[in-house]
């Protein structure tokens, strides 16, 4: 890929016009050999709003400790994400993209009073069995120091190889055993609206049963990044003080309201594995792992 053309922004893009643009570009077709444009966007000197941070903590279950929740910087990257996937050079329609994996690396805890510089760019595109997967890379620095980065893997159905890369049968069999040691949560039906209000991601599939049905869902589903944040809020006191990664795979959608089961277990060496399961204790909504680096 050629050198990335980074565009400097004065302000974060407004989300409502971006969603309108997503509707307009809903008919975009990728062609036979789609390619990601070598572009990125950057926004400097973001001053954090204490009220917004407090609302995020309340919605996701974090307590105030003077530092940003590990998932909070993602909110300031999301408008930049949207501006990238709505660029005229991007080969896919934004409508229908699915967030399938998110990996965050936090190099140190970020004080809630620090200003952030956020940069997002496209990563790699690859053809998979049922379509295409591509990544969006985010780097966040403060005073020139890289403190946080993430890779978000997105999936677009259609045009895949048709070849199954193979599955880990042992892992699937392990997941088929009902969890016995868990914490149960009730997830209210308005969680998508509350998270949408604080994140700016007001995708209709997350809001109401009627708006979700317009896109083929039986009722609204919760945001994947809310699920990740809620899991990390549950284990916040156990997170490493130094550098670590938290890698999550989003599995089955969570229709809300719902009852779910959170399961955690110590990993080999230094780390923590966790899962978020449906009420039956078997069907997975999310699998994750935390590892020190």
C-alpha atoms as a PDB file:
ATOM      1  CA  UNK A   1       0.000   0.000   0.000  1.00  0.00           C
ATOM      2  CA  UNK A   2       1.253   3.462  -0.815  1.00  0.00           C
ATOM      3  CA  UNK A   3       1.944   6.096   1.826  1.00  0.00           C
ATOM      4  CA  UNK A   4      -1.166   7.036   3.729  1.00  0.00           C
ATOM      5  CA  UNK A   5      -2.650  10.466   3.069  1.00  0.00           C
ATOM      6  CA  UNK A   6      -3.625  11.808   6.514  1.00  0.00           C
ATOM      7  CA  UNK A   7      -6.209  14.577   6.518  1.00  0.00           C
ATOM      8  CA  UNK A   8      -6.174  16.952   9.496  1.00  0.00           C
ATOM      9  CA  UNK A   9      -9.611  17.867  10.883  1.00  0.00           C
ATOM     10  CA  UNK A  10     -10.493  21.008  12.815  1.00  0.00           C
ATOM     11  CA  UNK A  11     -13.477  19.430  14.570  1.00  0.00           C
ATOM     12  CA  UNK A  12     -14.976  16.001  15.011  1.00  0.00           C
ATOM     13  CA  UNK A  13     -17.422  15.211  12.177  1.00  0.00           C
ATOM     14  CA  UNK A  14     -21.086  15.583  13.187  1.00  0.00           C
ATOM     15  CA  UNK A  15     -22.731  12.162  13.375  1.00  0.00           C
ATOM     16  CA  UNK A  16     -26.194  12.995  11.994  1.00  0.00           C
ATOM     17  CA  UNK A  17     -24.907  14.166   8.568  1.00  0.00           C
ATOM     18  CA  UNK A  18     -22.668  11.097   8.463  1.00  0.00           C
ATOM     19  CA  UNK A  19     -25.644   8.769   8.971  1.00  0.00           C
ATOM     20  CA  UNK A  20     -27.530  10.651   6.244  1.00  0.00           C
ATOM     21  CA  UNK A  21     -24.566  10.121   3.930  1.00  0.00           C
ATOM     22  CA  UNK A  22     -24.551   6.417   4.811  1.00  0.00           C
ATOM     23  CA  UNK A  23     -28.150   6.157   3.586  1.00  0.00           C
ATOM     24  CA  UNK A  24     -27.280   7.978   0.358  1.00  0.00           C
ATOM     25  CA  UNK A  25     -24.333   5.616  -0.273  1.00  0.00           C
ATOM     26  CA  UNK A  26     -26.315   2.474   0.579  1.00  0.00           C
ATOM     27  CA  UNK A  27     -26.200   1.288  -3.038  1.00  0.00           C
ATOM     28  CA  UNK A  28     -22.409   1.373  -3.448  1.00  0.00           C
ATOM     29  CA  UNK A  29     -21.057  -1.842  -5.028  1.00  0.00           C
ATOM     30  CA  UNK A  30     -17.484  -3.062  -4.363  1.00  0.00           C
ATOM     31  CA  UNK A  31     -16.704  -4.467  -7.793  1.00  0.00           C
ATOM     32  CA  UNK A  32     -14.637  -7.598  -8.433  1.00  0.00           C
ATOM     33  CA  UNK A  33     -11.343  -6.404  -6.903  1.00  0.00           C
ATOM     34  CA  UNK A  34     -12.099  -3.917  -4.101  1.00  0.00           C
ATOM     35  CA  UNK A  35      -9.207  -2.024  -2.554  1.00  0.00           C
ATOM     36  CA  UNK A  36      -8.978   0.200   0.492  1.00  0.00           C
ATOM     37  CA  UNK A  37      -7.876   3.775  -0.121  1.00  0.00           C
ATOM     38  CA  UNK A  38      -4.592   4.822   1.479  1.00  0.00           C
ATOM     39  CA  UNK A  39      -6.208   7.551   3.565  1.00  0.00           C
ATOM     40  CA  UNK A  40      -6.556   8.524   7.202  1.00  0.00           C
ATOM     41  CA  UNK A  41      -7.913  11.322   9.363  1.00  0.00           C
ATOM     42  CA  UNK A  42      -6.501  13.041  12.430  1.00  0.00           C
ATOM     43  CA  UNK A  43      -8.000  15.265  15.100  1.00  0.00           C
ATOM     44  CA  UNK A  44      -5.714  16.966  17.617  1.00  0.00           C
ATOM     45  CA  UNK A  45      -6.113  18.471  21.076  1.00  0.00           C
ATOM     46  CA  UNK A  46      -9.405  16.847  22.077  1.00  0.00           C
ATOM     47  CA  UNK A  47     -10.436  18.235  25.458  1.00  0.00           C
ATOM     48  CA  UNK A  48     -12.480  15.689  27.392  1.00  0.00           C
ATOM     49  CA  UNK A  49     -15.890  16.676  28.737  1.00  0.00           C
ATOM     50  CA  UNK A  50     -16.319  15.581  32.386  1.00  0.00           C
ATOM     51  CA  UNK A  51     -20.117  15.305  32.041  1.00  0.00           C
ATOM     52  CA  UNK A  52     -19.809  13.125  28.935  1.00  0.00           C
ATOM     53  CA  UNK A  53     -17.272  10.908  30.698  1.00  0.00           C
ATOM     54  CA  UNK A  54     -19.533  10.608  33.741  1.00  0.00           C
ATOM     55  CA  UNK A  55     -22.464   9.584  31.538  1.00  0.00           C
ATOM     56  CA  UNK A  56     -20.348   6.992  29.761  1.00  0.00           C
ATOM     57  CA  UNK A  57     -19.259   5.517  33.077  1.00  0.00           C
ATOM     58  CA  UNK A  58     -22.856   5.284  34.227  1.00  0.00           C
ATOM     59  CA  UNK A  59     -24.098   3.657  31.009  1.00  0.00           C
ATOM     60  CA  UNK A  60     -21.267   1.092  30.917  1.00  0.00           C
ATOM     61  CA  UNK A  61     -20.841   0.422  34.643  1.00  0.00           C
ATOM     62  CA  UNK A  62     -17.443   1.984  35.321  1.00  0.00           C
ATOM     63  CA  UNK A  63     -16.644   3.744  38.583  1.00  0.00           C
ATOM     64  CA  UNK A  64     -14.751   7.055  38.666  1.00  0.00           C
ATOM     65  CA  UNK A  65     -11.056   6.625  39.513  1.00  0.00           C
ATOM     66  CA  UNK A  66      -9.382   9.606  37.824  1.00  0.00           C
ATOM     67  CA  UNK A  67      -8.477   7.641  34.664  1.00  0.00           C
ATOM     68  CA  UNK A  68     -10.287   6.967  31.405  1.00  0.00           C
ATOM     69  CA  UNK A  69     -12.043   3.606  31.084  1.00  0.00           C
ATOM     70  CA  UNK A  70      -9.985   1.554  28.661  1.00  0.00           C
ATOM     71  CA  UNK A  71     -12.783   1.581  26.060  1.00  0.00           C
ATOM     72  CA  UNK A  72     -13.599   5.298  26.351  1.00  0.00           C
ATOM     73  CA  UNK A  73     -11.091   6.574  23.721  1.00  0.00           C
ATOM     74  CA  UNK A  74     -12.985   4.519  21.136  1.00  0.00           C
ATOM     75  CA  UNK A  75     -15.840   7.029  21.337  1.00  0.00           C
ATOM     76  CA  UNK A  76     -13.568   9.820  20.142  1.00  0.00           C
ATOM     77  CA  UNK A  77     -12.375   7.652  17.259  1.00  0.00           C
ATOM     78  CA  UNK A  78     -15.858   6.642  16.093  1.00  0.00           C
ATOM     79  CA  UNK A  79     -16.686   9.838  14.128  1.00  0.00           C
ATOM     80  CA  UNK A  80     -13.319   9.493  12.378  1.00  0.00           C
ATOM     81  CA  UNK A  81     -14.168   5.858  11.557  1.00  0.00           C
ATOM     82  CA  UNK A  82     -17.389   7.021   9.970  1.00  0.00           C
ATOM     83  CA  UNK A  83     -15.705   9.702   7.880  1.00  0.00           C
ATOM     84  CA  UNK A  84     -13.326   7.056   6.487  1.00  0.00           C
ATOM     85  CA  UNK A  85     -15.950   4.487   5.505  1.00  0.00           C
ATOM     86  CA  UNK A  86     -18.076   7.222   3.926  1.00  0.00           C
ATOM     87  CA  UNK A  87     -15.226   8.541   1.800  1.00  0.00           C
ATOM     88  CA  UNK A  88     -15.991   8.360  -1.931  1.00  0.00           C
ATOM     89  CA  UNK A  89     -12.946   6.102  -2.433  1.00  0.00           C
ATOM     90  CA  UNK A  90     -14.174   3.464   0.063  1.00  0.00           C
ATOM     91  CA  UNK A  91     -15.410   0.466  -1.961  1.00  0.00           C
ATOM     92  CA  UNK A  92     -18.269  -0.744   0.270  1.00  0.00           C
ATOM     93  CA  UNK A  93     -21.554   0.661   1.488  1.00  0.00           C
ATOM     94  CA  UNK A  94     -21.445   1.558   5.177  1.00  0.00           C
ATOM     95  CA  UNK A  95     -24.890   0.072   5.741  1.00  0.00           C
ATOM     96  CA  UNK A  96     -24.479  -3.637   6.447  1.00  0.00           C
ATOM     97  CA  UNK A  97     -20.954  -3.533   7.828  1.00  0.00           C
ATOM     98  CA  UNK A  98     -20.554  -5.712  10.934  1.00  0.00           C
ATOM     99  CA  UNK A  99     -17.999  -5.150  13.699  1.00  0.00           C
ATOM    100  CA  UNK A 100     -16.613  -8.657  14.339  1.00  0.00           C
ATOM    101  CA  UNK A 101     -13.502  -8.032  16.427  1.00  0.00           C
ATOM    102  CA  UNK A 102     -11.867  -5.250  18.421  1.00  0.00           C
ATOM    103  CA  UNK A 103      -8.381  -5.269  19.896  1.00  0.00           C
ATOM    104  CA  UNK A 104      -7.251  -2.453  22.195  1.00  0.00           C
ATOM    105  CA  UNK A 105      -3.720  -1.909  23.452  1.00  0.00           C
ATOM    106  CA  UNK A 106      -3.321   0.502  26.348  1.00  0.00           C
ATOM    107  CA  UNK A 107       0.305   1.455  26.979  1.00  0.00           C
ATOM    108  CA  UNK A 108      -0.480   3.356  30.145  1.00  0.00           C
ATOM    109  CA  UNK A 109      -3.533   4.620  31.984  1.00  0.00           C
ATOM    110  CA  UNK A 110      -4.809   7.928  30.618  1.00  0.00           C
ATOM    111  CA  UNK A 111      -5.598  10.666  33.097  1.00  0.00           C
ATOM    112  CA  UNK A 112      -9.086  12.052  32.557  1.00  0.00           C
ATOM    113  CA  UNK A 113      -7.659  15.595  32.269  1.00  0.00           C
ATOM    114  CA  UNK A 114      -5.265  14.832  29.423  1.00  0.00           C
ATOM    115  CA  UNK A 115      -5.889  16.100  25.897  1.00  0.00           C
ATOM    116  CA  UNK A 116      -5.948  13.500  23.137  1.00  0.00           C
ATOM    117  CA  UNK A 117      -4.675  13.424  19.561  1.00  0.00           C
ATOM    118  CA  UNK A 118      -6.607  10.791  17.568  1.00  0.00           C
ATOM    119  CA  UNK A 119      -5.638   9.325  14.204  1.00  0.00           C
ATOM    120  CA  UNK A 120      -7.553   6.682  12.240  1.00  0.00           C
ATOM    121  CA  UNK A 121      -6.530   4.976   9.026  1.00  0.00           C
ATOM    122  CA  UNK A 122      -7.399   1.900   7.036  1.00  0.00           C
ATOM    123  CA  UNK A 123      -5.422  -1.270   7.655  1.00  0.00           C
ATOM    124  CA  UNK A 124      -5.642  -4.468   5.604  1.00  0.00           C
ATOM    125  CA  UNK A 125      -8.424  -5.885   3.434  1.00  0.00           C
ATOM    126  CA  UNK A 126      -8.812  -9.617   2.950  1.00  0.00           C
ATOM    127  CA  UNK A 127     -11.304 -11.909   1.283  1.00  0.00           C
ATOM    128  CA  UNK A 128     -12.822 -14.524   3.593  1.00  0.00           C
ATOM    129  CA  UNK A 129     -15.282 -17.366   3.168  1.00  0.00           C
ATOM    130  CA  UNK A 130     -18.470 -15.280   3.157  1.00  0.00           C
ATOM    131  CA  UNK A 131     -17.251 -11.839   2.157  1.00  0.00           C
ATOM    132  CA  UNK A 132     -14.528  -9.355   3.038  1.00  0.00           C
ATOM    133  CA  UNK A 133     -12.894  -8.280   6.271  1.00  0.00           C
ATOM    134  CA  UNK A 134     -10.985  -5.044   6.686  1.00  0.00           C
ATOM    135  CA  UNK A 135      -9.404  -3.229   9.594  1.00  0.00           C
ATOM    136  CA  UNK A 136      -9.439   0.332  10.847  1.00  0.00           C
ATOM    137  CA  UNK A 137      -6.416   1.302  12.944  1.00  0.00           C
ATOM    138  CA  UNK A 138      -6.587   3.976  15.625  1.00  0.00           C
ATOM    139  CA  UNK A 139      -3.650   5.609  17.394  1.00  0.00           C
ATOM    140  CA  UNK A 140      -4.129   7.964  20.320  1.00  0.00           C
ATOM    141  CA  UNK A 141      -1.344  10.052  21.755  1.00  0.00           C
ATOM    142  CA  UNK A 142      -1.003  12.802  24.301  1.00  0.00           C
ATOM    143  CA  UNK A 143       1.865  15.314  24.248  1.00  0.00           C
ATOM    144  CA  UNK A 144       3.495  13.213  21.536  1.00  0.00           C
ATOM    145  CA  UNK A 145       3.364   9.964  23.534  1.00  0.00           C
ATOM    146  CA  UNK A 146       1.476   6.983  22.100  1.00  0.00           C
ATOM    147  CA  UNK A 147      -0.794   5.828  24.931  1.00  0.00           C
ATOM    148  CA  UNK A 148      -3.548   3.799  23.256  1.00  0.00           C
ATOM    149  CA  UNK A 149      -4.245   2.054  19.974  1.00  0.00           C
ATOM    150  CA  UNK A 150      -6.843  -0.257  18.544  1.00  0.00           C
ATOM    151  CA  UNK A 151      -7.664  -2.420  15.569  1.00  0.00           C
ATOM    152  CA  UNK A 152     -11.311  -2.820  14.634  1.00  0.00           C
ATOM    153  CA  UNK A 153     -12.114  -5.628  12.197  1.00  0.00           C
ATOM    154  CA  UNK A 154     -15.208  -5.064  10.070  1.00  0.00           C
ATOM    155  CA  UNK A 155     -17.002  -7.623   7.904  1.00  0.00           C
ATOM    156  CA  UNK A 156     -18.917  -7.083   4.673  1.00  0.00           C
ATOM    157  CA  UNK A 157     -21.022 -10.013   3.429  1.00  0.00           C
ATOM    158  CA  UNK A 158     -20.826 -10.986  -0.239  1.00  0.00           C
ATOM    159  CA  UNK A 159     -18.094 -11.840  -2.731  1.00  0.00           C
ATOM    160  CA  UNK A 160     -16.289 -14.282  -0.455  1.00  0.00           C
ATOM    161  CA  UNK A 161     -14.044 -17.190  -1.372  1.00  0.00           C
ATOM    162  CA  UNK A 162     -16.631 -19.830  -0.434  1.00  0.00           C
ATOM    163  CA  UNK A 163     -13.829 -21.801   1.210  1.00  0.00           C
ATOM    164  CA  UNK A 164     -14.067 -22.692   4.883  1.00  0.00           C
ATOM    165  CA  UNK A 165     -10.732 -21.919   6.561  1.00  0.00           C
ATOM    166  CA  UNK A 166     -11.482 -24.513   9.258  1.00  0.00           C
ATOM    167  CA  UNK A 167     -12.685 -24.259  12.861  1.00  0.00           C
ATOM    168  CA  UNK A 168     -11.252 -25.135  16.229  1.00  0.00           C
ATOM    169  CA  UNK A 169     -13.576 -28.007  17.163  1.00  0.00           C
ATOM    170  CA  UNK A 170     -12.197 -28.322  20.682  1.00  0.00           C
ATOM    171  CA  UNK A 171     -12.970 -24.673  21.372  1.00  0.00           C
ATOM    172  CA  UNK A 172     -16.487 -25.023  19.998  1.00  0.00           C
ATOM    173  CA  UNK A 173     -17.113 -28.123  22.101  1.00  0.00           C
ATOM    174  CA  UNK A 174     -15.898 -26.273  25.200  1.00  0.00           C
ATOM    175  CA  UNK A 175     -18.265 -23.406  24.463  1.00  0.00           C
ATOM    176  CA  UNK A 176     -21.162 -25.879  24.129  1.00  0.00           C
ATOM    177  CA  UNK A 177     -20.928 -26.710  27.850  1.00  0.00           C
ATOM    178  CA  UNK A 178     -23.233 -24.546  29.960  1.00  0.00           C
ATOM    179  CA  UNK A 179     -21.408 -22.173  32.305  1.00  0.00           C
ATOM    180  CA  UNK A 180     -21.821 -22.920  36.007  1.00  0.00           C
ATOM    181  CA  UNK A 181     -19.770 -20.114  37.597  1.00  0.00           C
ATOM    182  CA  UNK A 182     -21.062 -16.782  36.354  1.00  0.00           C
ATOM    183  CA  UNK A 183     -22.460 -13.356  37.167  1.00  0.00           C
ATOM    184  CA  UNK A 184     -25.885 -12.630  35.717  1.00  0.00           C
ATOM    185  CA  UNK A 185     -26.852  -9.221  34.363  1.00  0.00           C
ATOM    186  CA  UNK A 186     -30.128  -7.813  33.188  1.00  0.00           C
ATOM    187  CA  UNK A 187     -29.711  -5.621  30.107  1.00  0.00           C
ATOM    188  CA  UNK A 188     -32.657  -3.200  29.717  1.00  0.00           C
ATOM    189  CA  UNK A 189     -34.297  -2.553  26.368  1.00  0.00           C
ATOM    190  CA  UNK A 190     -33.208   1.089  26.362  1.00  0.00           C
ATOM    191  CA  UNK A 191     -29.481   0.266  26.624  1.00  0.00           C
ATOM    192  CA  UNK A 192     -28.951   0.840  22.909  1.00  0.00           C
ATOM    193  CA  UNK A 193     -30.597   4.255  23.109  1.00  0.00           C
ATOM    194  CA  UNK A 194     -28.524   5.259  26.138  1.00  0.00           C
ATOM    195  CA  UNK A 195     -25.267   4.065  24.621  1.00  0.00           C
ATOM    196  CA  UNK A 196     -26.216   5.611  21.287  1.00  0.00           C
ATOM    197  CA  UNK A 197     -26.775   8.969  22.980  1.00  0.00           C
ATOM    198  CA  UNK A 198     -23.343   8.983  24.631  1.00  0.00           C
ATOM    199  CA  UNK A 199     -21.422   7.398  21.737  1.00  0.00           C
ATOM    200  CA  UNK A 200     -23.161   9.134  18.851  1.00  0.00           C
ATOM    201  CA  UNK A 201     -23.804   5.728  17.240  1.00  0.00           C
ATOM    202  CA  UNK A 202     -27.564   5.904  16.720  1.00  0.00           C
ATOM    203  CA  UNK A 203     -27.774   3.108  14.199  1.00  0.00           C
ATOM    204  CA  UNK A 204     -31.499   2.174  13.986  1.00  0.00           C
ATOM    205  CA  UNK A 205     -30.775  -1.494  14.735  1.00  0.00           C
ATOM    206  CA  UNK A 206     -29.878  -0.485  18.312  1.00  0.00           C
ATOM    207  CA  UNK A 207     -32.796   1.807  19.139  1.00  0.00           C
ATOM    208  CA  UNK A 208     -36.327   0.363  19.000  1.00  0.00           C
ATOM    209  CA  UNK A 209     -38.027  -2.867  17.908  1.00  0.00           C
ATOM    210  CA  UNK A 210     -39.643  -1.131  14.928  1.00  0.00           C
ATOM    211  CA  UNK A 211     -36.426   0.483  13.652  1.00  0.00           C
ATOM    212  CA  UNK A 212     -34.530  -2.795  14.104  1.00  0.00           C
ATOM    213  CA  UNK A 213     -37.177  -4.735  12.163  1.00  0.00           C
ATOM    214  CA  UNK A 214     -36.645  -2.420   9.202  1.00  0.00           C
ATOM    215  CA  UNK A 215     -33.171  -3.961   8.914  1.00  0.00           C
ATOM    216  CA  UNK A 216     -34.181  -7.582   9.452  1.00  0.00           C
ATOM    217  CA  UNK A 217     -33.826  -7.932  13.235  1.00  0.00           C
ATOM    218  CA  UNK A 218     -36.671  -9.177  15.409  1.00  0.00           C
ATOM    219  CA  UNK A 219     -35.972  -6.368  17.897  1.00  0.00           C
ATOM    220  CA  UNK A 220     -33.155  -4.001  18.811  1.00  0.00           C
ATOM    221  CA  UNK A 221     -29.654  -5.328  19.532  1.00  0.00           C
ATOM    222  CA  UNK A 222     -27.081  -3.858  21.871  1.00  0.00           C
ATOM    223  CA  UNK A 223     -23.858  -2.268  20.566  1.00  0.00           C
ATOM    224  CA  UNK A 224     -20.880  -4.605  20.556  1.00  0.00           C
ATOM    225  CA  UNK A 225     -18.648  -1.951  22.104  1.00  0.00           C
ATOM    226  CA  UNK A 226     -21.134  -1.509  24.957  1.00  0.00           C
ATOM    227  CA  UNK A 227     -20.788  -5.245  25.639  1.00  0.00           C
ATOM    228  CA  UNK A 228     -17.007  -4.973  25.649  1.00  0.00           C
ATOM    229  CA  UNK A 229     -17.087  -1.939  27.923  1.00  0.00           C
ATOM    230  CA  UNK A 230     -19.536  -3.579  30.338  1.00  0.00           C
ATOM    231  CA  UNK A 231     -17.331  -6.669  30.601  1.00  0.00           C
ATOM    232  CA  UNK A 232     -14.252  -4.555  31.322  1.00  0.00           C
ATOM    233  CA  UNK A 233     -16.142  -2.533  33.904  1.00  0.00           C
ATOM    234  CA  UNK A 234     -16.839  -5.824  35.679  1.00  0.00           C
ATOM    235  CA  UNK A 235     -13.111  -6.644  35.902  1.00  0.00           C
ATOM    236  CA  UNK A 236     -11.777  -3.086  36.059  1.00  0.00           C
ATOM    237  CA  UNK A 237     -10.080  -3.650  39.413  1.00  0.00           C
ATOM    238  CA  UNK A 238      -8.205  -6.623  37.937  1.00  0.00           C
ATOM    239  CA  UNK A 239      -6.823  -4.817  34.880  1.00  0.00           C
ATOM    240  CA  UNK A 240      -3.026  -4.542  34.723  1.00  0.00           C
ATOM    241  CA  UNK A 241      -1.494  -1.244  35.816  1.00  0.00           C
ATOM    242  CA  UNK A 242       1.070  -1.431  33.021  1.00  0.00           C
ATOM    243  CA  UNK A 243       0.677  -2.065  29.260  1.00  0.00           C
ATOM    244  CA  UNK A 244      -1.878  -4.666  28.200  1.00  0.00           C
ATOM    245  CA  UNK A 245      -4.128  -5.717  25.350  1.00  0.00           C
ATOM    246  CA  UNK A 246      -7.814  -6.622  25.457  1.00  0.00           C
ATOM    247  CA  UNK A 247      -8.969  -8.556  22.417  1.00  0.00           C
ATOM    248  CA  UNK A 248     -12.631  -9.324  21.828  1.00  0.00           C
ATOM    249  CA  UNK A 249     -14.557 -11.274  19.208  1.00  0.00           C
ATOM    250  CA  UNK A 250     -18.202 -10.333  18.785  1.00  0.00           C
ATOM    251  CA  UNK A 251     -20.337 -13.411  18.270  1.00  0.00           C
ATOM    252  CA  UNK A 252     -24.145 -13.645  18.300  1.00  0.00           C
ATOM    253  CA  UNK A 253     -26.170 -10.411  18.509  1.00  0.00           C
ATOM    254  CA  UNK A 254     -27.740  -9.625  21.877  1.00  0.00           C
ATOM    255  CA  UNK A 255     -31.435  -8.826  21.502  1.00  0.00           C
ATOM    256  CA  UNK A 256     -32.577  -6.569  24.315  1.00  0.00           C
ATOM    257  CA  UNK A 257     -34.014  -6.606  26.882  1.00  0.00           C
ATOM    258  CA  UNK A 258     -32.004  -9.641  27.867  1.00  0.00           C
ATOM    259  CA  UNK A 259     -30.512 -11.670  30.676  1.00  0.00           C
ATOM    260  CA  UNK A 260     -26.868 -12.567  30.100  1.00  0.00           C
ATOM    261  CA  UNK A 261     -24.138 -14.405  31.973  1.00  0.00           C
ATOM    262  CA  UNK A 262     -20.626 -13.058  32.427  1.00  0.00           C
ATOM    263  CA  UNK A 263     -17.882 -15.649  32.902  1.00  0.00           C
ATOM    264  CA  UNK A 264     -14.238 -15.021  33.696  1.00  0.00           C
ATOM    265  CA  UNK A 265     -11.269 -17.303  34.222  1.00  0.00           C
ATOM    266  CA  UNK A 266      -7.556 -16.921  34.801  1.00  0.00           C
ATOM    267  CA  UNK A 267      -5.457 -17.557  31.707  1.00  0.00           C
ATOM    268  CA  UNK A 268      -2.157 -19.372  31.611  1.00  0.00           C
ATOM    269  CA  UNK A 269       0.614 -17.019  32.694  1.00  0.00           C
ATOM    270  CA  UNK A 270      -0.581 -13.482  33.347  1.00  0.00           C
ATOM    271  CA  UNK A 271      -3.958 -12.717  31.904  1.00  0.00           C
ATOM    272  CA  UNK A 272      -7.697 -13.131  32.058  1.00  0.00           C
ATOM    273  CA  UNK A 273     -10.221 -14.732  29.728  1.00  0.00           C
ATOM    274  CA  UNK A 274     -13.880 -13.748  29.730  1.00  0.00           C
ATOM    275  CA  UNK A 275     -17.110 -14.509  27.929  1.00  0.00           C
ATOM    276  CA  UNK A 276     -20.550 -12.960  27.740  1.00  0.00           C
ATOM    277  CA  UNK A 277     -23.202 -15.610  27.199  1.00  0.00           C
ATOM    278  CA  UNK A 278     -26.925 -15.768  26.557  1.00  0.00           C
ATOM    279  CA  UNK A 279     -29.337 -16.735  29.338  1.00  0.00           C
ATOM    280  CA  UNK A 280     -28.819 -20.434  28.561  1.00  0.00           C
ATOM    281  CA  UNK A 281     -25.157 -20.083  29.550  1.00  0.00           C
ATOM    282  CA  UNK A 282     -24.055 -21.539  26.209  1.00  0.00           C
ATOM    283  CA  UNK A 283     -24.655 -19.260  23.221  1.00  0.00           C
ATOM    284  CA  UNK A 284     -21.831 -16.681  23.075  1.00  0.00           C
ATOM    285  CA  UNK A 285     -22.321 -12.960  22.542  1.00  0.00           C
ATOM    286  CA  UNK A 286     -18.653 -12.134  23.118  1.00  0.00           C
ATOM    287  CA  UNK A 287     -15.325 -13.857  23.784  1.00  0.00           C
ATOM    288  CA  UNK A 288     -12.417 -11.867  25.137  1.00  0.00           C
ATOM    289  CA  UNK A 289      -8.950 -12.042  26.589  1.00  0.00           C
ATOM    290  CA  UNK A 290      -6.708  -9.641  28.514  1.00  0.00           C
ATOM    291  CA  UNK A 291      -2.946 -10.030  28.268  1.00  0.00           C
ATOM    292  CA  UNK A 292      -0.081  -8.048  29.753  1.00  0.00           C
ATOM    293  CA  UNK A 293       2.618  -6.966  27.308  1.00  0.00           C
END
